[in-house]
Amino acid sequence: MKSTKFVLLGLGISLAACQSSNKTDEHTTDSVTQVSTPAQVADERFLVVAGHSVGEISLGEDMEQVGKKLGKADAGDAAMGKAWGIWYSNDSTAKHRNEIAVYSSYRDTSMRIKDVKQIRVTSNKFKTKDGLATGNTLEATRLKFPEIEKLSAYLNENKDTVTVYDAKKDGIGFEFLKGKSISLTVHQVNIPVNATYLTLHPEWKLIE
């Protein structure tokens, strides 16, 4: 199970992710040129499709199937039939481990099947078909999703401001820290990315 999880998360994912505030900008390029070309998205295991899927996990998928693909979650939270499951990359020594998080709830009133409602990733290995990944600026992101809007802002555990943006009609949300995106969240179209029962970051303080 775990080996399958690491295939999905990406063997050899660089954990020098955009989340780290200690990284230098020596490899930073113009915000527009950061967005790769479609030809660079060669592996569908890492393809992000707004409003539909991330890699091999799709919205509406039975969580039992997700468990077979990813194995047992490394962390998470659950209440009232709704839950976040979090799977970390295989480098446990990194200060900021890349992760894939899946939000689920019961599919219907029969309360027998839980299915995927949101999929959040932090690794820049995952890209949209036109190459958008974490690490891009708001301006570069807006070029791909013009209807993106700010939803809220939080202070994280390090007292840094994290802003949450959402392209609700497209079904994709973003978190930005120090001018760069640190996550992509695929969600159901026309349902805001923050319309969940549980918060993924209970330690964050809402400031607006």
N, C-alpha and C. Protein backbone atom coordinates (compact mmCIF):
# COMPACT_ATOMS: atom_id res chain seq x y z
N MET A 1 0.82 -1.20 0.00
CA MET A 1 0.00 0.00 0.00
C MET A 1 0.86 1.26 0.00
N LYS A 2 1.90 1.27 0.89
CA LYS A 2 2.71 2.47 1.01
C LYS A 2 3.47 2.77 -0.26
N SER A 3 3.94 1.70 -0.94
CA SER A 3 4.68 1.94 -2.18
C SER A 3 3.79 2.59 -3.22
N THR A 4 2.53 2.19 -3.28
CA THR A 4 1.59 2.81 -4.20
C THR A 4 1.38 4.27 -3.86
N LYS A 5 1.32 4.55 -2.56
CA LYS A 5 1.15 5.94 -2.13
C LYS A 5 2.29 6.80 -2.63
N PHE A 6 3.50 6.30 -2.54
CA PHE A 6 4.64 7.11 -2.92
C PHE A 6 4.73 7.28 -4.42
N VAL A 7 4.18 6.33 -5.19
CA VAL A 7 4.10 6.54 -6.64
C VAL A 7 3.19 7.70 -6.91
N LEU A 8 2.04 7.75 -6.21
CA LEU A 8 1.10 8.84 -6.42
C LEU A 8 1.69 10.17 -5.99
N LEU A 9 2.36 10.18 -4.86
CA LEU A 9 2.95 11.42 -4.38
C LEU A 9 4.20 11.79 -5.17
N GLY A 10 4.81 10.80 -5.84
CA GLY A 10 5.95 11.08 -6.69
C GLY A 10 7.26 10.67 -6.06
N LEU A 11 7.84 9.57 -6.55
CA LEU A 11 9.15 9.18 -6.06
C LEU A 11 10.14 10.27 -6.40
N GLY A 12 10.90 10.65 -5.42
CA GLY A 12 11.92 11.66 -5.66
C GLY A 12 11.38 13.06 -5.73
N ILE A 13 10.18 13.31 -5.19
CA ILE A 13 9.66 14.68 -5.16
C ILE A 13 10.64 15.55 -4.39
N SER A 14 10.95 16.67 -4.94
CA SER A 14 11.84 17.60 -4.24
C SER A 14 11.07 18.26 -3.13
N LEU A 15 11.59 18.09 -1.90
CA LEU A 15 10.90 18.68 -0.75
C LEU A 15 11.42 20.08 -0.45
N ALA A 16 12.17 20.63 -1.38
CA ALA A 16 12.49 22.05 -1.28
C ALA A 16 11.32 22.80 -1.87
N ALA A 17 10.17 22.62 -1.24
CA ALA A 17 8.92 23.13 -1.78
C ALA A 17 8.79 24.61 -1.56
N CYS A 18 7.79 25.18 -2.24
CA CYS A 18 7.56 26.61 -2.12
C CYS A 18 7.07 26.98 -0.75
N GLN A 19 6.72 25.98 0.08
CA GLN A 19 6.22 26.30 1.41
C GLN A 19 7.31 26.86 2.31
N SER A 20 8.57 26.50 2.04
CA SER A 20 9.64 26.86 2.95
C SER A 20 9.98 28.33 2.85
N SER A 21 9.88 29.02 3.96
CA SER A 21 10.17 30.45 3.96
C SER A 21 11.67 30.72 4.01
N ASN A 22 12.48 29.65 4.16
CA ASN A 22 13.92 29.84 4.26
C ASN A 22 14.63 29.70 2.93
N LYS A 23 13.90 29.36 1.89
CA LYS A 23 14.51 29.18 0.59
C LYS A 23 14.92 30.52 -0.01
N THR A 24 16.01 30.53 -0.75
CA THR A 24 16.41 31.73 -1.47
C THR A 24 15.69 31.79 -2.79
N ASP A 25 15.82 32.90 -3.46
CA ASP A 25 15.13 33.12 -4.72
C ASP A 25 16.08 32.97 -5.91
N GLU A 26 17.18 32.23 -5.72
CA GLU A 26 18.18 32.19 -6.77
C GLU A 26 17.69 31.53 -8.03
N HIS A 27 16.67 30.68 -7.93
CA HIS A 27 16.14 30.02 -9.11
C HIS A 27 14.80 30.60 -9.54
N THR A 28 14.40 31.68 -8.90
CA THR A 28 13.10 32.26 -9.21
C THR A 28 13.15 32.99 -10.54
N THR A 29 12.14 32.79 -11.37
CA THR A 29 12.05 33.46 -12.66
C THR A 29 10.85 34.38 -12.66
N ASP A 30 10.63 35.04 -13.77
CA ASP A 30 9.47 35.90 -13.91
C ASP A 30 8.20 35.12 -13.64
N SER A 31 7.21 35.76 -13.02
CA SER A 31 6.00 35.06 -12.59
C SER A 31 5.27 34.39 -13.73
N VAL A 32 5.32 34.97 -14.91
CA VAL A 32 4.63 34.37 -16.04
C VAL A 32 5.40 33.18 -16.58
N THR A 33 6.72 33.30 -16.64
CA THR A 33 7.52 32.22 -17.19
C THR A 33 7.60 31.04 -16.24
N GLN A 34 7.18 31.18 -14.99
CA GLN A 34 7.14 30.05 -14.07
C GLN A 34 6.14 29.01 -14.54
N VAL A 35 5.12 29.42 -15.26
CA VAL A 35 4.10 28.50 -15.70
C VAL A 35 4.63 27.69 -16.87
N SER A 36 4.67 26.37 -16.71
CA SER A 36 5.25 25.50 -17.71
C SER A 36 4.33 25.37 -18.91
N THR A 37 4.86 24.79 -19.97
CA THR A 37 4.06 24.53 -21.15
C THR A 37 3.36 23.21 -21.00
N PRO A 38 2.25 22.97 -21.72
CA PRO A 38 1.52 21.72 -21.63
C PRO A 38 2.38 20.50 -21.92
N ALA A 39 3.38 20.65 -22.77
CA ALA A 39 4.21 19.51 -23.14
C ALA A 39 5.00 18.97 -21.96
N GLN A 40 5.19 19.80 -20.92
CA GLN A 40 5.95 19.37 -19.76
C GLN A 40 5.12 18.51 -18.81
N VAL A 41 3.83 18.47 -18.97
CA VAL A 41 2.97 17.63 -18.13
C VAL A 41 2.81 16.30 -18.84
N ALA A 42 3.76 15.40 -18.58
CA ALA A 42 3.79 14.15 -19.32
C ALA A 42 3.17 12.99 -18.56
N ASP A 43 3.14 13.07 -17.25
CA ASP A 43 2.70 11.96 -16.42
C ASP A 43 1.33 12.24 -15.83
N GLU A 44 0.34 11.48 -16.26
CA GLU A 44 -1.03 11.72 -15.79
C GLU A 44 -1.19 11.40 -14.31
N ARG A 45 -0.24 10.71 -13.71
CA ARG A 45 -0.30 10.47 -12.26
C ARG A 45 -0.21 11.76 -11.47
N PHE A 46 0.28 12.82 -12.12
CA PHE A 46 0.46 14.10 -11.44
C PHE A 46 -0.36 15.21 -12.10
N LEU A 47 -1.35 14.83 -12.89
CA LEU A 47 -2.16 15.82 -13.59
C LEU A 47 -3.28 16.34 -12.69
N VAL A 48 -3.39 17.66 -12.60
CA VAL A 48 -4.46 18.31 -11.84
C VAL A 48 -5.54 18.77 -12.81
N VAL A 49 -6.76 18.30 -12.62
CA VAL A 49 -7.89 18.72 -13.45
C VAL A 49 -8.90 19.42 -12.54
N ALA A 50 -9.00 20.73 -12.67
CA ALA A 50 -9.89 21.52 -11.82
C ALA A 50 -11.31 20.96 -11.87
N GLY A 51 -11.93 20.85 -10.70
CA GLY A 51 -13.30 20.36 -10.62
C GLY A 51 -13.45 18.88 -10.87
N HIS A 52 -12.32 18.15 -10.98
CA HIS A 52 -12.43 16.73 -11.32
C HIS A 52 -11.48 15.80 -10.56
N SER A 53 -10.16 16.05 -10.65
CA SER A 53 -9.24 15.06 -10.11
C SER A 53 -7.85 15.64 -9.87
N VAL A 54 -7.09 14.89 -9.07
CA VAL A 54 -5.66 15.13 -8.86
C VAL A 54 -4.97 13.78 -9.01
N GLY A 55 -4.15 13.64 -10.04
CA GLY A 55 -3.50 12.37 -10.26
C GLY A 55 -4.52 11.25 -10.42
N GLU A 56 -4.37 10.21 -9.62
CA GLU A 56 -5.23 9.04 -9.71
C GLU A 56 -6.46 9.11 -8.81
N ILE A 57 -6.63 10.23 -8.10
CA ILE A 57 -7.77 10.39 -7.20
C ILE A 57 -8.76 11.36 -7.80
N SER A 58 -10.05 10.98 -7.82
CA SER A 58 -11.09 11.80 -8.44
C SER A 58 -12.15 12.20 -7.43
N LEU A 59 -12.75 13.35 -7.64
CA LEU A 59 -13.90 13.75 -6.83
C LEU A 59 -15.01 12.73 -7.03
N GLY A 60 -15.72 12.42 -5.94
CA GLY A 60 -16.80 11.44 -6.02
C GLY A 60 -16.35 10.00 -5.89
N GLU A 61 -15.03 9.78 -5.81
CA GLU A 61 -14.51 8.42 -5.71
C GLU A 61 -14.76 7.85 -4.31
N ASP A 62 -15.09 6.57 -4.24
CA ASP A 62 -15.29 5.87 -2.98
C ASP A 62 -13.99 5.89 -2.18
N MET A 63 -14.06 6.28 -0.91
CA MET A 63 -12.87 6.36 -0.08
C MET A 63 -12.21 5.00 0.13
N GLU A 64 -12.97 3.93 0.00
CA GLU A 64 -12.35 2.61 0.09
C GLU A 64 -11.35 2.41 -1.05
N GLN A 65 -11.67 2.91 -2.22
CA GLN A 65 -10.76 2.83 -3.36
C GLN A 65 -9.55 3.73 -3.15
N VAL A 66 -9.78 4.89 -2.56
CA VAL A 66 -8.66 5.79 -2.25
C VAL A 66 -7.70 5.11 -1.29
N GLY A 67 -8.25 4.43 -0.28
CA GLY A 67 -7.42 3.72 0.68
C GLY A 67 -6.59 2.63 0.04
N LYS A 68 -7.14 1.96 -0.96
CA LYS A 68 -6.40 0.92 -1.67
C LYS A 68 -5.24 1.52 -2.46
N LYS A 69 -5.41 2.73 -2.95
CA LYS A 69 -4.36 3.39 -3.73
C LYS A 69 -3.28 4.01 -2.84
N LEU A 70 -3.70 4.62 -1.75
CA LEU A 70 -2.77 5.39 -0.92
C LEU A 70 -2.31 4.68 0.34
N GLY A 71 -3.04 3.64 0.74
CA GLY A 71 -2.74 3.02 2.01
C GLY A 71 -3.38 3.77 3.16
N LYS A 72 -2.97 3.44 4.36
CA LYS A 72 -3.51 4.09 5.55
C LYS A 72 -3.00 5.52 5.65
N ALA A 73 -3.90 6.44 5.98
CA ALA A 73 -3.51 7.85 6.12
C ALA A 73 -2.51 8.03 7.25
N ASP A 74 -1.58 8.98 7.08
CA ASP A 74 -0.60 9.28 8.11
C ASP A 74 -1.16 10.17 9.21
N ALA A 75 -2.19 10.94 8.87
CA ALA A 75 -2.80 11.85 9.83
C ALA A 75 -4.19 12.21 9.33
N GLY A 76 -4.95 12.93 10.17
CA GLY A 76 -6.28 13.36 9.74
C GLY A 76 -7.16 13.72 10.90
N ASP A 77 -8.40 14.00 10.58
CA ASP A 77 -9.39 14.39 11.57
C ASP A 77 -10.75 13.97 11.04
N ALA A 78 -11.65 13.61 11.94
CA ALA A 78 -12.97 13.15 11.51
C ALA A 78 -14.02 13.47 12.56
N ALA A 79 -15.23 13.77 12.08
CA ALA A 79 -16.38 14.01 12.96
C ALA A 79 -17.64 14.07 12.12
N MET A 80 -18.71 13.53 12.66
CA MET A 80 -20.03 13.62 12.03
C MET A 80 -20.02 13.08 10.60
N GLY A 81 -19.26 12.00 10.36
CA GLY A 81 -19.24 11.39 9.04
C GLY A 81 -18.43 12.14 8.01
N LYS A 82 -17.67 13.16 8.43
CA LYS A 82 -16.84 13.94 7.52
C LYS A 82 -15.40 13.88 8.00
N ALA A 83 -14.46 13.88 7.08
CA ALA A 83 -13.07 13.67 7.51
C ALA A 83 -12.06 14.22 6.52
N TRP A 84 -10.89 14.56 7.06
CA TRP A 84 -9.69 14.80 6.27
C TRP A 84 -8.74 13.63 6.51
N GLY A 85 -8.19 13.08 5.42
CA GLY A 85 -7.10 12.11 5.53
C GLY A 85 -5.88 12.73 4.89
N ILE A 86 -4.73 12.60 5.54
CA ILE A 86 -3.50 13.23 5.05
C ILE A 86 -2.42 12.18 4.87
N TRP A 87 -1.79 12.19 3.69
CA TRP A 87 -0.68 11.29 3.39
C TRP A 87 0.54 12.14 3.10
N TYR A 88 1.66 11.86 3.80
CA TYR A 88 2.89 12.62 3.61
C TYR A 88 3.82 11.92 2.63
N SER A 89 4.73 12.70 2.04
CA SER A 89 5.76 12.14 1.18
C SER A 89 6.69 11.28 2.02
N ASN A 90 7.55 10.53 1.36
CA ASN A 90 8.35 9.54 2.08
C ASN A 90 9.62 10.09 2.69
N ASP A 91 9.84 11.39 2.66
CA ASP A 91 11.00 11.98 3.30
C ASP A 91 10.56 12.58 4.63
N SER A 92 10.71 11.82 5.68
CA SER A 92 10.22 12.25 7.00
C SER A 92 11.16 13.22 7.70
N THR A 93 12.32 13.52 7.10
CA THR A 93 13.27 14.41 7.75
C THR A 93 13.12 15.86 7.29
N ALA A 94 12.35 16.07 6.26
CA ALA A 94 12.22 17.43 5.72
C ALA A 94 11.41 18.30 6.67
N LYS A 95 11.76 19.57 6.71
CA LYS A 95 11.04 20.50 7.60
C LYS A 95 9.61 20.67 7.15
N HIS A 96 9.40 20.71 5.84
CA HIS A 96 8.06 20.84 5.29
C HIS A 96 7.80 19.66 4.37
N ARG A 97 7.13 18.65 4.89
CA ARG A 97 6.85 17.48 4.08
C ARG A 97 5.71 17.76 3.10
N ASN A 98 5.91 17.37 1.87
CA ASN A 98 4.81 17.49 0.92
C ASN A 98 3.71 16.50 1.29
N GLU A 99 2.50 16.84 0.93
CA GLU A 99 1.37 16.01 1.35
C GLU A 99 0.26 16.03 0.32
N ILE A 100 -0.57 15.01 0.41
CA ILE A 100 -1.85 15.00 -0.29
C ILE A 100 -2.91 14.79 0.78
N ALA A 101 -3.92 15.65 0.77
CA ALA A 101 -4.99 15.57 1.75
C ALA A 101 -6.32 15.39 1.03
N VAL A 102 -7.14 14.50 1.54
CA VAL A 102 -8.43 14.19 0.90
C VAL A 102 -9.55 14.43 1.90
N TYR A 103 -10.49 15.27 1.52
CA TYR A 103 -11.67 15.54 2.34
C TYR A 103 -12.82 14.69 1.82
N SER A 104 -13.51 14.02 2.74
CA SER A 104 -14.60 13.13 2.35
C SER A 104 -15.79 13.27 3.28
N SER A 105 -16.94 12.84 2.79
CA SER A 105 -18.15 12.79 3.60
C SER A 105 -19.07 11.74 2.99
N TYR A 106 -20.17 11.44 3.68
CA TYR A 106 -21.09 10.43 3.15
C TYR A 106 -21.69 10.90 1.83
N ARG A 107 -21.80 9.97 0.92
CA ARG A 107 -22.31 10.27 -0.41
C ARG A 107 -23.79 10.64 -0.37
N ASP A 108 -24.57 9.94 0.47
CA ASP A 108 -26.01 10.20 0.53
C ASP A 108 -26.52 9.83 1.92
N THR A 109 -27.82 9.90 2.09
CA THR A 109 -28.43 9.68 3.41
C THR A 109 -28.37 8.22 3.87
N SER A 110 -28.00 7.32 3.00
CA SER A 110 -27.85 5.92 3.42
C SER A 110 -26.65 5.75 4.33
N MET A 111 -25.70 6.69 4.28
CA MET A 111 -24.53 6.72 5.16
C MET A 111 -23.72 5.43 5.08
N ARG A 112 -23.59 4.91 3.87
CA ARG A 112 -22.83 3.69 3.69
C ARG A 112 -21.50 3.93 2.99
N ILE A 113 -21.46 4.90 2.10
CA ILE A 113 -20.25 5.16 1.32
C ILE A 113 -19.80 6.60 1.54
N LYS A 114 -18.52 6.76 1.86
CA LYS A 114 -17.92 8.08 1.90
C LYS A 114 -17.17 8.31 0.60
N ASP A 115 -17.37 9.47 0.01
CA ASP A 115 -16.67 9.76 -1.22
C ASP A 115 -15.87 11.06 -1.13
N VAL A 116 -15.02 11.27 -2.11
CA VAL A 116 -14.08 12.39 -2.11
C VAL A 116 -14.80 13.68 -2.48
N LYS A 117 -14.61 14.71 -1.65
CA LYS A 117 -15.17 16.03 -1.92
C LYS A 117 -14.11 17.06 -2.29
N GLN A 118 -12.90 16.89 -1.74
CA GLN A 118 -11.80 17.80 -2.05
C GLN A 118 -10.48 17.03 -2.03
N ILE A 119 -9.52 17.50 -2.85
CA ILE A 119 -8.19 16.92 -2.88
C ILE A 119 -7.18 18.06 -2.86
N ARG A 120 -6.32 18.07 -1.88
CA ARG A 120 -5.35 19.16 -1.71
C ARG A 120 -3.93 18.60 -1.81
N VAL A 121 -3.09 19.24 -2.60
CA VAL A 121 -1.69 18.83 -2.74
C VAL A 121 -0.78 20.02 -2.56
N THR A 122 0.44 19.75 -2.06
CA THR A 122 1.41 20.82 -1.84
C THR A 122 2.64 20.69 -2.72
N SER A 123 2.87 19.55 -3.32
CA SER A 123 4.05 19.34 -4.15
C SER A 123 3.88 19.98 -5.52
N ASN A 124 4.95 20.61 -6.01
CA ASN A 124 4.90 21.20 -7.34
C ASN A 124 5.07 20.16 -8.45
N LYS A 125 5.12 18.90 -8.06
CA LYS A 125 5.12 17.81 -9.04
C LYS A 125 3.76 17.72 -9.73
N PHE A 126 2.71 18.12 -9.01
CA PHE A 126 1.36 18.08 -9.57
C PHE A 126 1.09 19.36 -10.35
N LYS A 127 0.59 19.20 -11.59
CA LYS A 127 0.39 20.35 -12.47
C LYS A 127 -0.92 20.22 -13.24
N THR A 128 -1.49 21.37 -13.60
CA THR A 128 -2.62 21.38 -14.53
C THR A 128 -2.10 21.08 -15.93
N LYS A 129 -2.99 20.89 -16.88
CA LYS A 129 -2.57 20.53 -18.23
C LYS A 129 -1.73 21.61 -18.89
N ASP A 130 -1.89 22.87 -18.44
CA ASP A 130 -1.06 23.94 -18.98
C ASP A 130 0.11 24.29 -18.07
N GLY A 131 0.41 23.40 -17.11
CA GLY A 131 1.64 23.53 -16.34
C GLY A 131 1.58 24.30 -15.05
N LEU A 132 0.41 24.71 -14.60
CA LEU A 132 0.32 25.48 -13.36
C LEU A 132 0.50 24.55 -12.16
N ALA A 133 1.39 24.93 -11.27
CA ALA A 133 1.67 24.14 -10.07
C ALA A 133 1.84 25.08 -8.88
N THR A 134 2.11 24.53 -7.71
CA THR A 134 2.44 25.36 -6.57
C THR A 134 3.75 26.08 -6.86
N GLY A 135 3.95 27.20 -6.17
CA GLY A 135 5.17 27.98 -6.38
C GLY A 135 4.98 29.17 -7.29
N ASN A 136 3.80 29.30 -7.89
CA ASN A 136 3.53 30.43 -8.78
C ASN A 136 2.93 31.60 -8.01
N THR A 137 3.04 32.77 -8.59
CA THR A 137 2.48 33.96 -7.99
C THR A 137 0.97 34.03 -8.25
N LEU A 138 0.30 34.94 -7.56
CA LEU A 138 -1.11 35.16 -7.80
C LEU A 138 -1.35 35.63 -9.23
N GLU A 139 -0.46 36.48 -9.72
CA GLU A 139 -0.61 37.00 -11.09
C GLU A 139 -0.53 35.87 -12.12
N ALA A 140 0.42 34.96 -11.93
CA ALA A 140 0.55 33.84 -12.86
C ALA A 140 -0.66 32.91 -12.76
N THR A 141 -1.14 32.73 -11.54
CA THR A 141 -2.32 31.87 -11.34
C THR A 141 -3.55 32.48 -11.97
N ARG A 142 -3.67 33.80 -11.86
CA ARG A 142 -4.84 34.48 -12.42
C ARG A 142 -4.87 34.40 -13.95
N LEU A 143 -3.70 34.26 -14.58
CA LEU A 143 -3.67 34.10 -16.02
C LEU A 143 -4.38 32.82 -16.45
N LYS A 144 -4.30 31.79 -15.61
CA LYS A 144 -4.93 30.51 -15.93
C LYS A 144 -6.37 30.42 -15.41
N PHE A 145 -6.63 31.11 -14.30
CA PHE A 145 -7.97 31.10 -13.71
C PHE A 145 -8.39 32.55 -13.42
N PRO A 146 -8.87 33.25 -14.44
CA PRO A 146 -9.17 34.68 -14.32
C PRO A 146 -10.22 35.02 -13.27
N GLU A 147 -11.09 34.08 -12.91
CA GLU A 147 -12.17 34.37 -11.97
C GLU A 147 -11.77 34.08 -10.52
N ILE A 148 -10.50 33.87 -10.28
CA ILE A 148 -10.04 33.59 -8.93
C ILE A 148 -10.34 34.78 -8.01
N GLU A 149 -10.82 34.48 -6.79
CA GLU A 149 -11.16 35.52 -5.82
C GLU A 149 -10.62 35.16 -4.44
N LYS A 150 -10.28 36.19 -3.69
CA LYS A 150 -9.81 35.99 -2.32
C LYS A 150 -10.98 35.65 -1.42
N LEU A 151 -10.80 34.61 -0.58
CA LEU A 151 -11.85 34.20 0.35
C LEU A 151 -11.55 34.62 1.78
N SER A 152 -10.30 34.40 2.20
CA SER A 152 -9.96 34.65 3.60
C SER A 152 -8.46 34.70 3.79
N ALA A 153 -8.05 35.07 5.00
CA ALA A 153 -6.63 35.10 5.36
C ALA A 153 -6.46 34.57 6.77
N TYR A 154 -5.33 33.90 7.00
CA TYR A 154 -5.06 33.28 8.29
C TYR A 154 -3.64 33.59 8.73
N LEU A 155 -3.41 33.52 10.05
CA LEU A 155 -2.06 33.49 10.59
C LEU A 155 -1.74 32.03 10.87
N ASN A 156 -0.65 31.53 10.29
CA ASN A 156 -0.30 30.13 10.53
C ASN A 156 0.48 29.99 11.82
N GLU A 157 0.99 28.80 12.08
CA GLU A 157 1.69 28.52 13.33
C GLU A 157 2.96 29.34 13.49
N ASN A 158 3.50 29.86 12.36
CA ASN A 158 4.70 30.70 12.42
C ASN A 158 4.36 32.19 12.39
N LYS A 159 3.07 32.51 12.50
CA LYS A 159 2.59 33.89 12.47
C LYS A 159 2.75 34.54 11.11
N ASP A 160 2.87 33.72 10.07
CA ASP A 160 2.88 34.22 8.70
C ASP A 160 1.46 34.25 8.16
N THR A 161 1.18 35.18 7.27
CA THR A 161 -0.17 35.30 6.71
C THR A 161 -0.33 34.39 5.50
N VAL A 162 -1.34 33.55 5.56
CA VAL A 162 -1.69 32.67 4.45
C VAL A 162 -3.04 33.13 3.91
N THR A 163 -3.09 33.42 2.62
CA THR A 163 -4.35 33.85 2.00
C THR A 163 -4.92 32.72 1.15
N VAL A 164 -6.23 32.58 1.22
CA VAL A 164 -6.93 31.54 0.48
C VAL A 164 -7.70 32.16 -0.66
N TYR A 165 -7.44 31.69 -1.87
CA TYR A 165 -8.14 32.15 -3.07
C TYR A 165 -8.87 30.97 -3.69
N ASP A 166 -9.94 31.29 -4.43
CA ASP A 166 -10.72 30.22 -5.03
C ASP A 166 -11.26 30.63 -6.40
N ALA A 167 -11.13 29.71 -7.34
CA ALA A 167 -11.82 29.85 -8.63
C ALA A 167 -13.02 28.92 -8.55
N LYS A 168 -14.06 29.39 -7.91
CA LYS A 168 -15.20 28.54 -7.54
C LYS A 168 -15.84 27.87 -8.75
N LYS A 169 -16.03 28.62 -9.83
CA LYS A 169 -16.71 28.06 -11.00
C LYS A 169 -15.85 27.01 -11.72
N ASP A 170 -14.53 27.08 -11.51
CA ASP A 170 -13.64 26.10 -12.11
C ASP A 170 -13.45 24.88 -11.23
N GLY A 171 -13.62 25.07 -9.91
CA GLY A 171 -13.42 23.96 -8.99
C GLY A 171 -11.99 23.78 -8.53
N ILE A 172 -11.30 24.91 -8.26
CA ILE A 172 -9.93 24.81 -7.76
C ILE A 172 -9.61 26.00 -6.86
N GLY A 173 -8.97 25.71 -5.73
CA GLY A 173 -8.59 26.75 -4.78
C GLY A 173 -7.09 26.74 -4.54
N PHE A 174 -6.58 27.83 -3.94
CA PHE A 174 -5.15 28.00 -3.73
C PHE A 174 -4.89 28.65 -2.38
N GLU A 175 -3.76 28.31 -1.78
CA GLU A 175 -3.26 29.01 -0.61
C GLU A 175 -1.96 29.71 -1.01
N PHE A 176 -1.81 30.96 -0.58
CA PHE A 176 -0.61 31.73 -0.91
C PHE A 176 0.11 32.15 0.37
N LEU A 177 1.41 32.01 0.36
CA LEU A 177 2.27 32.43 1.47
C LEU A 177 3.45 33.20 0.91
N LYS A 178 3.65 34.42 1.37
CA LYS A 178 4.76 35.26 0.93
C LYS A 178 4.81 35.39 -0.59
N GLY A 179 3.63 35.54 -1.18
CA GLY A 179 3.55 35.81 -2.61
C GLY A 179 3.55 34.60 -3.52
N LYS A 180 3.67 33.38 -2.98
CA LYS A 180 3.72 32.18 -3.79
C LYS A 180 2.66 31.18 -3.30
N SER A 181 2.09 30.43 -4.24
CA SER A 181 1.10 29.43 -3.84
C SER A 181 1.79 28.25 -3.16
N ILE A 182 1.17 27.75 -2.11
CA ILE A 182 1.74 26.62 -1.36
C ILE A 182 0.86 25.38 -1.45
N SER A 183 -0.31 25.52 -2.07
CA SER A 183 -1.17 24.34 -2.25
C SER A 183 -2.15 24.58 -3.38
N LEU A 184 -2.63 23.47 -3.96
CA LEU A 184 -3.74 23.47 -4.91
C LEU A 184 -4.81 22.55 -4.32
N THR A 185 -6.06 22.99 -4.35
CA THR A 185 -7.16 22.16 -3.85
C THR A 185 -8.23 22.04 -4.91
N VAL A 186 -8.44 20.83 -5.40
CA VAL A 186 -9.50 20.57 -6.37
C VAL A 186 -10.77 20.26 -5.60
N HIS A 187 -11.86 20.92 -5.99
CA HIS A 187 -13.13 20.73 -5.28
C HIS A 187 -14.28 20.73 -6.28
N GLN A 188 -15.47 20.46 -5.79
CA GLN A 188 -16.64 20.43 -6.64
C GLN A 188 -16.91 21.82 -7.21
N VAL A 189 -17.28 21.86 -8.47
CA VAL A 189 -17.57 23.12 -9.15
C VAL A 189 -18.72 23.86 -8.46
N ASN A 190 -18.54 25.16 -8.30
CA ASN A 190 -19.55 26.05 -7.70
C ASN A 190 -19.78 25.83 -6.21
N ILE A 191 -18.91 25.07 -5.57
CA ILE A 191 -18.93 24.94 -4.12
C ILE A 191 -17.61 25.50 -3.60
N PRO A 192 -17.62 26.55 -2.79
CA PRO A 192 -16.38 27.20 -2.36
C PRO A 192 -15.42 26.24 -1.68
N VAL A 193 -14.14 26.49 -1.85
CA VAL A 193 -13.13 25.61 -1.29
C VAL A 193 -13.19 25.58 0.23
N ASN A 194 -13.68 26.63 0.86
CA ASN A 194 -13.75 26.65 2.32
C ASN A 194 -15.09 26.18 2.87
N ALA A 195 -15.94 25.61 2.02
CA ALA A 195 -17.25 25.13 2.48
C ALA A 195 -17.14 23.69 2.98
N THR A 196 -16.33 23.49 4.01
CA THR A 196 -16.15 22.17 4.61
C THR A 196 -16.47 22.23 6.09
N TYR A 197 -16.89 21.08 6.62
CA TYR A 197 -17.27 21.02 8.04
C TYR A 197 -16.05 21.13 8.95
N LEU A 198 -14.97 20.51 8.54
CA LEU A 198 -13.75 20.52 9.34
C LEU A 198 -12.70 21.39 8.67
N THR A 199 -11.87 22.01 9.49
CA THR A 199 -10.76 22.77 8.93
C THR A 199 -9.53 21.89 8.88
N LEU A 200 -8.75 22.03 7.82
CA LEU A 200 -7.52 21.26 7.69
C LEU A 200 -6.43 21.81 8.60
N HIS A 201 -6.54 23.06 8.99
CA HIS A 201 -5.52 23.71 9.82
C HIS A 201 -6.17 24.32 11.07
N PRO A 202 -6.51 23.52 12.04
CA PRO A 202 -7.17 24.08 13.24
C PRO A 202 -6.30 25.04 14.02
N GLU A 203 -4.96 24.97 13.78
CA GLU A 203 -4.05 25.85 14.50
C GLU A 203 -3.96 27.24 13.86
N TRP A 204 -4.50 27.40 12.65
CA TRP A 204 -4.46 28.70 12.00
C TRP A 204 -5.53 29.63 12.58
N LYS A 205 -5.18 30.90 12.67
CA LYS A 205 -6.11 31.90 13.22
C LYS A 205 -6.68 32.74 12.09
N LEU A 206 -8.00 32.75 11.98
CA LEU A 206 -8.66 33.55 10.94
C LEU A 206 -8.50 35.03 11.27
N ILE A 207 -8.01 35.81 10.29
CA ILE A 207 -7.83 37.25 10.53
C ILE A 207 -8.70 38.09 9.61
N GLU A 208 -9.24 37.50 8.56
CA GLU A 208 -10.19 38.24 7.70
C GLU A 208 -10.93 37.27 6.81
